[in-house]
Amino acid sequence: MSAVLAPSPPPADRSSQAWEACLELGYERRGARTVLVRNKHRGPLVVQKSLYPEGDAPCQNVIVHPPGGIAGGDCLQIDVSVDRGASVQLTTPGATKWYRSASAVASQRVRMGVAAGSVLEWLPQENVVFDGALAHASIRVDLARGARYLGWDVVCLGRTASGERFTRGAFSQDVELRSCDELVLAERAALRGGARLLQSRIGLRDLPVFGTFIAAGVRIDDDVLGHCRATTAQDGEGAVTRIGAVTLARYRGTSTASARQYFVGLWRVLRPATVGCAPRLPRLWNT
């Protein structure tokens, strides 16, 4: 299944009325329950009420961006702090759409701090980058000793359901993972519409969808690694590697649905091994 067709995008350049939105979330463990104790926002970026589909933990929140898309000049910032012993799962209600822009760059920055003995699952739905978009996304995760993290991101270049290709514009992404103040993973992707890298065998091989899944904080054993490598995507290519206490998976293909299916399959294996909880998908994904 390809990316869902989005409504017609807004004007190509609306930087004079760009959104600046910030969301700050803080979580604590109180007794057996994880509680959202800090919820500050400015602009159109909010969370719905806390959900507890698995008992007292994790605390599950859905991050909502009411405009439904990110246009040129928009700047979104999400800051998440998880205190000792807390368990949090964050997701989004639908794809993040990056609209075309004549000149202004749109950006989203996510920063997450995870204290000792706590767990954070960052499970957003996909990014759809419209042809002509100028977009930059960054994710930084800081883990204390004994903290655990499961997170993914999926990007679709162009609205593939309507046959659109990414021939103009640019998309860049920074990913940084730190453990005990030590940098353990740093990546930067810089993709220009129509560039040869999009067709190259060492790039995307003319496939519009790519993604990364990171499990960090616990070194998985060989049996779990074997189960991960035996997990396959219905469409496209997947690969898994283990680097110390970080397990890293990649996807490259034609379908955001296949990317999610692949990552969910890995999550079903890695969640019990790293977090110690049985896999239970957010109910929102079934609606």
C-alpha atoms as a PDB file:
ATOM      1  CA  MET A   1       0.000   0.000   0.000  1.00  0.00           C
ATOM      2  CA  SER A   2       1.477   3.338  -1.014  1.00  0.00           C
ATOM      3  CA  ALA A   3       1.247   6.619   0.811  1.00  0.00           C
ATOM      4  CA  VAL A   4      -2.314   7.883   1.189  1.00  0.00           C
ATOM      5  CA  LEU A   5      -3.291  10.743  -1.076  1.00  0.00           C
ATOM      6  CA  ALA A   6      -3.244  14.016   0.824  1.00  0.00           C
ATOM      7  CA  PRO A   7      -5.514  17.009   0.285  1.00  0.00           C
ATOM      8  CA  SER A   8      -4.259  19.694  -2.071  1.00  0.00           C
ATOM      9  CA  PRO A   9      -1.266  21.416  -0.487  1.00  0.00           C
ATOM     10  CA  PRO A  10      -1.317  25.045   0.633  1.00  0.00           C
ATOM     11  CA  PRO A  11       0.297  27.805  -1.472  1.00  0.00           C
ATOM     12  CA  ALA A  12       3.891  27.032  -2.396  1.00  0.00           C
ATOM     13  CA  ASP A  13       5.380  29.641  -0.076  1.00  0.00           C
ATOM     14  CA  ARG A  14       3.585  30.874   3.014  1.00  0.00           C
ATOM     15  CA  SER A  15       6.655  31.737   5.123  1.00  0.00           C
ATOM     16  CA  SER A  16       5.106  35.087   6.114  1.00  0.00           C
ATOM     17  CA  GLN A  17       2.497  33.136   8.077  1.00  0.00           C
ATOM     18  CA  ALA A  18       4.633  30.171   9.051  1.00  0.00           C
ATOM     19  CA  TRP A  19       3.818  28.151  12.154  1.00  0.00           C
ATOM     20  CA  GLU A  20       6.250  28.013  15.059  1.00  0.00           C
ATOM     21  CA  ALA A  21       5.169  25.241  17.400  1.00  0.00           C
ATOM     22  CA  CYS A  22       6.793  23.761  20.499  1.00  0.00           C
ATOM     23  CA  LEU A  23       5.751  20.832  22.667  1.00  0.00           C
ATOM     24  CA  GLU A  24       7.441  19.932  25.944  1.00  0.00           C
ATOM     25  CA  LEU A  25       6.536  16.649  27.641  1.00  0.00           C
ATOM     26  CA  GLY A  26       7.829  15.356  30.968  1.00  0.00           C
ATOM     27  CA  TYR A  27       7.098  11.983  32.569  1.00  0.00           C
ATOM     28  CA  GLU A  28       7.551  10.600  36.084  1.00  0.00           C
ATOM     29  CA  ARG A  29       6.890   7.293  37.746  1.00  0.00           C
ATOM     30  CA  ARG A  30       4.487   7.593  40.658  1.00  0.00           C
ATOM     31  CA  GLY A  31       4.023   4.285  42.374  1.00  0.00           C
ATOM     32  CA  ALA A  32       3.587   1.723  39.623  1.00  0.00           C
ATOM     33  CA  ARG A  33       2.173   4.235  37.136  1.00  0.00           C
ATOM     34  CA  THR A  34       3.968   6.497  34.663  1.00  0.00           C
ATOM     35  CA  VAL A  35       2.360   9.935  34.623  1.00  0.00           C
ATOM     36  CA  LEU A  36       2.586  12.892  32.248  1.00  0.00           C
ATOM     37  CA  VAL A  37       3.564  15.641  34.699  1.00  0.00           C
ATOM     38  CA  ARG A  38       4.656  18.356  32.287  1.00  0.00           C
ATOM     39  CA  ASN A  39       2.699  19.249  29.168  1.00  0.00           C
ATOM     40  CA  LYS A  40       3.567  22.659  27.764  1.00  0.00           C
ATOM     41  CA  HIS A  41       2.858  23.714  24.218  1.00  0.00           C
ATOM     42  CA  ARG A  42       2.957  26.797  22.067  1.00  0.00           C
ATOM     43  CA  GLY A  43       1.310  26.846  18.683  1.00  0.00           C
ATOM     44  CA  PRO A  44      -0.395  23.930  16.922  1.00  0.00           C
ATOM     45  CA  LEU A  45       1.325  20.945  18.527  1.00  0.00           C
ATOM     46  CA  VAL A  46      -0.469  19.053  21.304  1.00  0.00           C
ATOM     47  CA  VAL A  47      -0.974  15.634  22.887  1.00  0.00           C
ATOM     48  CA  GLN A  48      -4.248  13.894  23.497  1.00  0.00           C
ATOM     49  CA  LYS A  49      -5.075  12.438  26.906  1.00  0.00           C
ATOM     50  CA  SER A  50      -2.794   9.794  28.375  1.00  0.00           C
ATOM     51  CA  LEU A  51      -3.752   6.206  27.654  1.00  0.00           C
ATOM     52  CA  TYR A  52      -2.840   3.034  29.558  1.00  0.00           C
ATOM     53  CA  PRO A  53      -3.596   0.091  27.262  1.00  0.00           C
ATOM     54  CA  GLU A  54      -1.205  -2.197  29.158  1.00  0.00           C
ATOM     55  CA  GLY A  55      -1.923  -1.242  32.759  1.00  0.00           C
ATOM     56  CA  ASP A  56       0.084   1.390  34.625  1.00  0.00           C
ATOM     57  CA  ALA A  57       2.869   1.463  32.055  1.00  0.00           C
ATOM     58  CA  PRO A  58       3.664   2.536  29.513  1.00  0.00           C
ATOM     59  CA  CYS A  59       1.968   5.920  29.465  1.00  0.00           C
ATOM     60  CA  GLN A  60       0.879   6.276  25.847  1.00  0.00           C
ATOM     61  CA  ASN A  61       0.409   9.673  24.215  1.00  0.00           C
ATOM     62  CA  VAL A  62      -0.537  10.647  20.674  1.00  0.00           C
ATOM     63  CA  ILE A  63       1.178  13.778  19.342  1.00  0.00           C
ATOM     64  CA  VAL A  64      -1.155  15.813  17.142  1.00  0.00           C
ATOM     65  CA  HIS A  65      -0.266  18.607  14.713  1.00  0.00           C
ATOM     66  CA  PRO A  66      -3.709  20.062  13.859  1.00  0.00           C
ATOM     67  CA  PRO A  67      -2.715  21.765  10.579  1.00  0.00           C
ATOM     68  CA  GLY A  68      -1.995  18.289   9.199  1.00  0.00           C
ATOM     69  CA  GLY A  69       1.147  19.240   7.296  1.00  0.00           C
ATOM     70  CA  ILE A  70       4.396  21.208   7.504  1.00  0.00           C
ATOM     71  CA  ALA A  71       4.848  24.031   4.990  1.00  0.00           C
ATOM     72  CA  GLY A  72       7.775  26.225   4.032  1.00  0.00           C
ATOM     73  CA  GLY A  73       9.036  28.242   6.993  1.00  0.00           C
ATOM     74  CA  ASP A  74       7.238  26.133   9.614  1.00  0.00           C
ATOM     75  CA  CYS A  75       9.349  25.158  12.627  1.00  0.00           C
ATOM     76  CA  LEU A  76       8.234  22.370  14.973  1.00  0.00           C
ATOM     77  CA  GLN A  77      10.082  21.366  18.125  1.00  0.00           C
ATOM     78  CA  ILE A  78       9.297  18.418  20.412  1.00  0.00           C
ATOM     79  CA  ASP A  79      11.155  17.917  23.705  1.00  0.00           C
ATOM     80  CA  VAL A  80      10.578  14.771  25.752  1.00  0.00           C
ATOM     81  CA  SER A  81      11.994  14.010  29.212  1.00  0.00           C
ATOM     82  CA  VAL A  82      11.480  10.617  30.840  1.00  0.00           C
ATOM     83  CA  ASP A  83      12.473  10.413  34.514  1.00  0.00           C
ATOM     84  CA  ARG A  84      13.903   7.405  36.332  1.00  0.00           C
ATOM     85  CA  GLY A  85      11.829   4.246  36.169  1.00  0.00           C
ATOM     86  CA  ALA A  86       9.134   5.668  33.874  1.00  0.00           C
ATOM     87  CA  SER A  87       7.885   4.003  30.684  1.00  0.00           C
ATOM     88  CA  VAL A  88       6.510   6.017  27.747  1.00  0.00           C
ATOM     89  CA  GLN A  89       5.180   5.239  24.275  1.00  0.00           C
ATOM     90  CA  LEU A  90       4.652   8.063  21.766  1.00  0.00           C
ATOM     91  CA  THR A  91       3.014   7.867  18.358  1.00  0.00           C
ATOM     92  CA  THR A  92       1.161  10.059  15.849  1.00  0.00           C
ATOM     93  CA  PRO A  93      -2.348   9.768  14.377  1.00  0.00           C
ATOM     94  CA  GLY A  94      -1.269   9.845  10.739  1.00  0.00           C
ATOM     95  CA  ALA A  95       1.480  10.627   8.268  1.00  0.00           C
ATOM     96  CA  THR A  96       3.454  13.845   8.604  1.00  0.00           C
ATOM     97  CA  LYS A  97       3.159  15.679   5.278  1.00  0.00           C
ATOM     98  CA  TRP A  98       5.918  18.032   4.148  1.00  0.00           C
ATOM     99  CA  TYR A  99       4.445  20.467   1.599  1.00  0.00           C
ATOM    100  CA  ARG A 100       6.249  21.992  -1.372  1.00  0.00           C
ATOM    101  CA  SER A 101       7.978  25.337  -0.845  1.00  0.00           C
ATOM    102  CA  ALA A 102       9.258  28.041  -3.164  1.00  0.00           C
ATOM    103  CA  SER A 103      12.135  29.086  -0.911  1.00  0.00           C
ATOM    104  CA  ALA A 104      11.637  28.686   2.845  1.00  0.00           C
ATOM    105  CA  VAL A 105      12.840  25.544   4.632  1.00  0.00           C
ATOM    106  CA  ALA A 106      10.479  23.683   6.952  1.00  0.00           C
ATOM    107  CA  SER A 107      11.923  21.926   9.990  1.00  0.00           C
ATOM    108  CA  GLN A 108      11.053  19.531  12.792  1.00  0.00           C
ATOM    109  CA  ARG A 109      13.396  18.889  15.694  1.00  0.00           C
ATOM    110  CA  VAL A 110      12.813  16.110  18.221  1.00  0.00           C
ATOM    111  CA  ARG A 111      14.927  15.848  21.390  1.00  0.00           C
ATOM    112  CA  MET A 112      14.439  13.037  23.884  1.00  0.00           C
ATOM    113  CA  GLY A 113      16.140  12.451  27.224  1.00  0.00           C
ATOM    114  CA  VAL A 114      15.705   9.071  28.916  1.00  0.00           C
ATOM    115  CA  ALA A 115      16.822   8.619  32.540  1.00  0.00           C
ATOM    116  CA  ALA A 116      18.319   5.526  34.150  1.00  0.00           C
ATOM    117  CA  GLY A 117      15.987   2.557  34.328  1.00  0.00           C
ATOM    118  CA  SER A 118      13.368   4.152  32.088  1.00  0.00           C
ATOM    119  CA  VAL A 119      11.961   3.267  28.668  1.00  0.00           C
ATOM    120  CA  LEU A 120      10.934   5.385  25.702  1.00  0.00           C
ATOM    121  CA  GLU A 121       9.245   4.078  22.552  1.00  0.00           C
ATOM    122  CA  TRP A 122       9.101   6.585  19.689  1.00  0.00           C
ATOM    123  CA  LEU A 123       6.777   5.086  17.053  1.00  0.00           C
ATOM    124  CA  PRO A 124       5.527   7.840  14.709  1.00  0.00           C
ATOM    125  CA  GLN A 125       3.787   7.175  11.427  1.00  0.00           C
ATOM    126  CA  GLU A 126       5.566   7.963   8.178  1.00  0.00           C
ATOM    127  CA  ASN A 127       6.848  11.232   6.684  1.00  0.00           C
ATOM    128  CA  VAL A 128       5.555  12.015   3.180  1.00  0.00           C
ATOM    129  CA  VAL A 129       7.795  14.555   1.430  1.00  0.00           C
ATOM    130  CA  PHE A 130       5.965  16.282  -1.427  1.00  0.00           C
ATOM    131  CA  ASP A 131       7.766  17.023  -4.667  1.00  0.00           C
ATOM    132  CA  GLY A 132       9.288  20.488  -4.297  1.00  0.00           C
ATOM    133  CA  ALA A 133       9.462  20.405  -0.496  1.00  0.00           C
ATOM    134  CA  LEU A 134      12.398  21.943   1.358  1.00  0.00           C
ATOM    135  CA  ALA A 135      12.494  20.001   4.603  1.00  0.00           C
ATOM    136  CA  HIS A 136      14.854  19.251   7.460  1.00  0.00           C
ATOM    137  CA  ALA A 137      14.174  16.754  10.279  1.00  0.00           C
ATOM    138  CA  SER A 138      16.381  15.967  13.240  1.00  0.00           C
ATOM    139  CA  ILE A 139      16.188  13.472  16.097  1.00  0.00           C
ATOM    140  CA  ARG A 140      18.456  13.433  19.144  1.00  0.00           C
ATOM    141  CA  VAL A 141      18.186  10.782  21.861  1.00  0.00           C
ATOM    142  CA  ASP A 142      20.162  10.970  25.121  1.00  0.00           C
ATOM    143  CA  LEU A 143      20.185   7.787  27.204  1.00  0.00           C
ATOM    144  CA  ALA A 144      21.391   7.516  30.785  1.00  0.00           C
ATOM    145  CA  ARG A 145      22.970   4.279  31.980  1.00  0.00           C
ATOM    146  CA  GLY A 146      20.340   1.540  32.004  1.00  0.00           C
ATOM    147  CA  ALA A 147      17.855   3.503  29.881  1.00  0.00           C
ATOM    148  CA  ARG A 148      16.248   1.788  26.902  1.00  0.00           C
ATOM    149  CA  TYR A 149      14.951   3.166  23.628  1.00  0.00           C
ATOM    150  CA  LEU A 150      12.960   1.759  20.711  1.00  0.00           C
ATOM    151  CA  GLY A 151      12.293   4.119  17.835  1.00  0.00           C
ATOM    152  CA  TRP A 152      11.827   4.329  14.105  1.00  0.00           C
ATOM    153  CA  ASP A 153      11.283   6.749  11.281  1.00  0.00           C
ATOM    154  CA  VAL A 154       9.971   6.126   7.757  1.00  0.00           C
ATOM    155  CA  VAL A 155      10.248   8.565   4.843  1.00  0.00           C
ATOM    156  CA  CYS A 156       8.367   8.481   1.528  1.00  0.00           C
ATOM    157  CA  LEU A 157       9.732  10.773  -1.195  1.00  0.00           C
ATOM    158  CA  GLY A 158       6.780  11.969  -3.253  1.00  0.00           C
ATOM    159  CA  ARG A 159       3.077  11.124  -3.043  1.00  0.00           C
ATOM    160  CA  THR A 160       3.444   7.715  -4.605  1.00  0.00           C
ATOM    161  CA  ALA A 161      -0.284   6.948  -4.552  1.00  0.00           C
ATOM    162  CA  SER A 162      -0.780   9.642  -7.205  1.00  0.00           C
ATOM    163  CA  GLY A 163       2.357   8.732  -9.131  1.00  0.00           C
ATOM    164  CA  GLU A 164       4.311  11.741  -7.892  1.00  0.00           C
ATOM    165  CA  ARG A 165       8.109  11.501  -7.833  1.00  0.00           C
ATOM    166  CA  PHE A 166      10.610  13.582  -5.899  1.00  0.00           C
ATOM    167  CA  THR A 167      12.161  15.578  -8.736  1.00  0.00           C
ATOM    168  CA  ARG A 168      12.575  18.982  -7.073  1.00  0.00           C
ATOM    169  CA  GLY A 169      13.376  20.279  -3.617  1.00  0.00           C
ATOM    170  CA  ALA A 170      15.479  18.802  -0.831  1.00  0.00           C
ATOM    171  CA  PHE A 171      15.090  16.658   2.264  1.00  0.00           C
ATOM    172  CA  SER A 172      17.720  16.336   4.983  1.00  0.00           C
ATOM    173  CA  GLN A 173      17.706  14.392   8.216  1.00  0.00           C
ATOM    174  CA  ASP A 174      20.025  14.199  11.228  1.00  0.00           C
ATOM    175  CA  VAL A 175      19.923  11.332  13.728  1.00  0.00           C
ATOM    176  CA  GLU A 176      22.040  11.378  16.872  1.00  0.00           C
ATOM    177  CA  LEU A 177      22.087   8.829  19.692  1.00  0.00           C
ATOM    178  CA  ARG A 178      24.078   9.348  22.869  1.00  0.00           C
ATOM    179  CA  SER A 179      24.528   6.950  25.766  1.00  0.00           C
ATOM    180  CA  CYS A 180      25.995   8.165  29.066  1.00  0.00           C
ATOM    181  CA  ASP A 181      27.017  11.381  27.258  1.00  0.00           C
ATOM    182  CA  GLU A 182      28.977   9.369  24.683  1.00  0.00           C
ATOM    183  CA  LEU A 183      28.057   9.661  21.019  1.00  0.00           C
ATOM    184  CA  VAL A 184      27.263   6.146  19.759  1.00  0.00           C
ATOM    185  CA  LEU A 185      25.434   6.910  16.510  1.00  0.00           C
ATOM    186  CA  ALA A 186      25.414   9.942  14.233  1.00  0.00           C
ATOM    187  CA  GLU A 187      23.942  10.010  10.733  1.00  0.00           C
ATOM    188  CA  ARG A 188      23.039  12.657   8.206  1.00  0.00           C
ATOM    189  CA  ALA A 189      21.035  12.192   5.034  1.00  0.00           C
ATOM    190  CA  ALA A 190      20.970  14.972   2.434  1.00  0.00           C
ATOM    191  CA  LEU A 191      18.755  14.189  -0.563  1.00  0.00           C
ATOM    192  CA  ARG A 192      17.969  16.521  -3.454  1.00  0.00           C
ATOM    193  CA  GLY A 193      15.042  15.965  -5.758  1.00  0.00           C
ATOM    194  CA  GLY A 194      16.085  14.341  -9.023  1.00  0.00           C
ATOM    195  CA  ALA A 195      19.661  13.695  -7.835  1.00  0.00           C
ATOM    196  CA  ARG A 196      21.546  10.646  -9.156  1.00  0.00           C
ATOM    197  CA  LEU A 197      21.843   9.314  -5.604  1.00  0.00           C
ATOM    198  CA  LEU A 198      18.121   8.563  -5.617  1.00  0.00           C
ATOM    199  CA  GLN A 199      18.622   6.131  -8.515  1.00  0.00           C
ATOM    200  CA  SER A 200      22.073   4.827  -7.585  1.00  0.00           C
ATOM    201  CA  ARG A 201      22.544   1.291  -6.275  1.00  0.00           C
ATOM    202  CA  ILE A 202      24.469   2.757  -3.341  1.00  0.00           C
ATOM    203  CA  GLY A 203      21.619   5.187  -2.688  1.00  0.00           C
ATOM    204  CA  LEU A 204      17.910   4.495  -2.874  1.00  0.00           C
ATOM    205  CA  ARG A 205      17.997   2.502  -6.145  1.00  0.00           C
ATOM    206  CA  ASP A 206      14.982   4.444  -7.426  1.00  0.00           C
ATOM    207  CA  LEU A 207      12.907   3.305  -4.441  1.00  0.00           C
ATOM    208  CA  PRO A 208      10.894   6.125  -2.818  1.00  0.00           C
ATOM    209  CA  VAL A 209      10.548   4.750   0.736  1.00  0.00           C
ATOM    210  CA  PHE A 210      13.306   4.290   3.311  1.00  0.00           C
ATOM    211  CA  GLY A 211      13.474   3.984   7.063  1.00  0.00           C
ATOM    212  CA  THR A 212      15.581   3.258  10.141  1.00  0.00           C
ATOM    213  CA  PHE A 213      14.684   1.401  13.328  1.00  0.00           C
ATOM    214  CA  ILE A 214      16.884   1.733  16.426  1.00  0.00           C
ATOM    215  CA  ALA A 215      16.785  -0.367  19.599  1.00  0.00           C
ATOM    216  CA  ALA A 216      19.285   0.862  22.183  1.00  0.00           C
ATOM    217  CA  GLY A 217      20.243   0.262  25.791  1.00  0.00           C
ATOM    218  CA  VAL A 218      20.478  -3.549  25.819  1.00  0.00           C
ATOM    219  CA  ARG A 219      22.809  -5.778  23.829  1.00  0.00           C
ATOM    220  CA  ILE A 220      20.633  -8.479  22.282  1.00  0.00           C
ATOM    221  CA  ASP A 221      21.915 -12.046  22.162  1.00  0.00           C
ATOM    222  CA  ASP A 222      22.602 -14.069  19.017  1.00  0.00           C
ATOM    223  CA  ASP A 223      19.229 -15.841  19.125  1.00  0.00           C
ATOM    224  CA  VAL A 224      17.306 -12.562  19.150  1.00  0.00           C
ATOM    225  CA  LEU A 225      19.545 -11.191  16.399  1.00  0.00           C
ATOM    226  CA  GLY A 226      18.813 -14.306  14.358  1.00  0.00           C
ATOM    227  CA  HIS A 227      15.064 -13.828  14.797  1.00  0.00           C
ATOM    228  CA  CYS A 228      15.428 -10.217  13.666  1.00  0.00           C
ATOM    229  CA  ARG A 229      17.357 -11.223  10.559  1.00  0.00           C
ATOM    230  CA  ALA A 230      14.725 -13.865   9.790  1.00  0.00           C
ATOM    231  CA  THR A 231      12.052 -11.137   9.768  1.00  0.00           C
ATOM    232  CA  THR A 232      11.347 -10.042   6.206  1.00  0.00           C
ATOM    233  CA  ALA A 233       9.475  -7.247   4.491  1.00  0.00           C
ATOM    234  CA  GLN A 234       6.519  -8.088   2.263  1.00  0.00           C
ATOM    235  CA  ASP A 235       7.958  -5.679  -0.278  1.00  0.00           C
ATOM    236  CA  GLY A 236      11.382  -4.075  -0.479  1.00  0.00           C
ATOM    237  CA  GLU A 237      14.624  -4.797   1.355  1.00  0.00           C
ATOM    238  CA  GLY A 238      15.484  -4.976   5.035  1.00  0.00           C
ATOM    239  CA  ALA A 239      18.699  -5.525   6.961  1.00  0.00           C
ATOM    240  CA  VAL A 240      19.650  -5.701  10.645  1.00  0.00           C
ATOM    241  CA  THR A 241      22.977  -5.196  12.389  1.00  0.00           C
ATOM    242  CA  ARG A 242      24.121  -5.154  16.032  1.00  0.00           C
ATOM    243  CA  ILE A 243      26.697  -2.687  17.313  1.00  0.00           C
ATOM    244  CA  GLY A 244      27.258  -3.134  21.037  1.00  0.00           C
ATOM    245  CA  ALA A 245      24.052  -2.194  22.844  1.00  0.00           C
ATOM    246  CA  VAL A 246      22.501  -0.767  19.658  1.00  0.00           C
ATOM    247  CA  THR A 247      20.484  -2.816  17.170  1.00  0.00           C
ATOM    248  CA  LEU A 248      20.004  -1.021  13.861  1.00  0.00           C
ATOM    249  CA  ALA A 249      17.603  -1.970  11.055  1.00  0.00           C
ATOM    250  CA  ARG A 250      17.128  -0.431   7.615  1.00  0.00           C
ATOM    251  CA  TYR A 251      14.325  -0.580   5.092  1.00  0.00           C
ATOM    252  CA  ARG A 252      14.318   0.411   1.429  1.00  0.00           C
ATOM    253  CA  GLY A 253      11.319  -0.171  -0.843  1.00  0.00           C
ATOM    254  CA  THR A 254       8.183   1.162  -2.513  1.00  0.00           C
ATOM    255  CA  SER A 255       5.595   1.038   0.268  1.00  0.00           C
ATOM    256  CA  THR A 256       5.180   2.801   3.596  1.00  0.00           C
ATOM    257  CA  ALA A 257       2.835   0.004   4.645  1.00  0.00           C
ATOM    258  CA  SER A 258       5.556  -2.558   3.966  1.00  0.00           C
ATOM    259  CA  ALA A 259       8.088  -0.475   5.900  1.00  0.00           C
ATOM    260  CA  ARG A 260       5.764  -0.356   8.894  1.00  0.00           C
ATOM    261  CA  GLN A 261       5.000  -4.091   8.619  1.00  0.00           C
ATOM    262  CA  TYR A 262       8.730  -4.824   8.642  1.00  0.00           C
ATOM    263  CA  PHE A 263       9.490  -2.558  11.577  1.00  0.00           C
ATOM    264  CA  VAL A 264       6.501  -3.824  13.560  1.00  0.00           C
ATOM    265  CA  GLY A 265       7.776  -7.365  12.982  1.00  0.00           C
ATOM    266  CA  LEU A 266      11.155  -6.359  14.397  1.00  0.00           C
ATOM    267  CA  TRP A 267       9.491  -4.512  17.274  1.00  0.00           C
ATOM    268  CA  ARG A 268       7.585  -7.680  18.181  1.00  0.00           C
ATOM    269  CA  VAL A 269      10.934  -9.450  18.569  1.00  0.00           C
ATOM    270  CA  LEU A 270      12.909  -6.637  20.179  1.00  0.00           C
ATOM    271  CA  ARG A 271      10.352  -5.278  22.637  1.00  0.00           C
ATOM    272  CA  PRO A 272      10.358  -8.357  24.885  1.00  0.00           C
ATOM    273  CA  ALA A 273      14.143  -8.675  24.565  1.00  0.00           C
ATOM    274  CA  THR A 274      14.963  -5.059  25.402  1.00  0.00           C
ATOM    275  CA  VAL A 275      12.005  -3.689  27.371  1.00  0.00           C
ATOM    276  CA  GLY A 276      10.714  -6.910  28.911  1.00  0.00           C
ATOM    277  CA  CYS A 277       7.133  -6.327  27.746  1.00  0.00           C
ATOM    278  CA  ALA A 278       4.995  -8.320  25.365  1.00  0.00           C
ATOM    279  CA  PRO A 279       4.281  -6.522  22.067  1.00  0.00           C
ATOM    280  CA  ARG A 280       0.928  -4.766  21.968  1.00  0.00           C
ATOM    281  CA  LEU A 281       0.228  -2.460  19.056  1.00  0.00           C
ATOM    282  CA  PRO A 282      -1.324   0.974  19.683  1.00  0.00           C
ATOM    283  CA  ARG A 283      -5.079   0.708  19.100  1.00  0.00           C
ATOM    284  CA  LEU A 284      -4.931   3.930  17.095  1.00  0.00           C
ATOM    285  CA  TRP A 285      -3.153   2.107  14.256  1.00  0.00           C
ATOM    286  CA  ASN A 286      -6.248  -0.064  13.698  1.00  0.00           C
ATOM    287  CA  THR A 287      -8.537   2.901  13.021  1.00  0.00           C
END
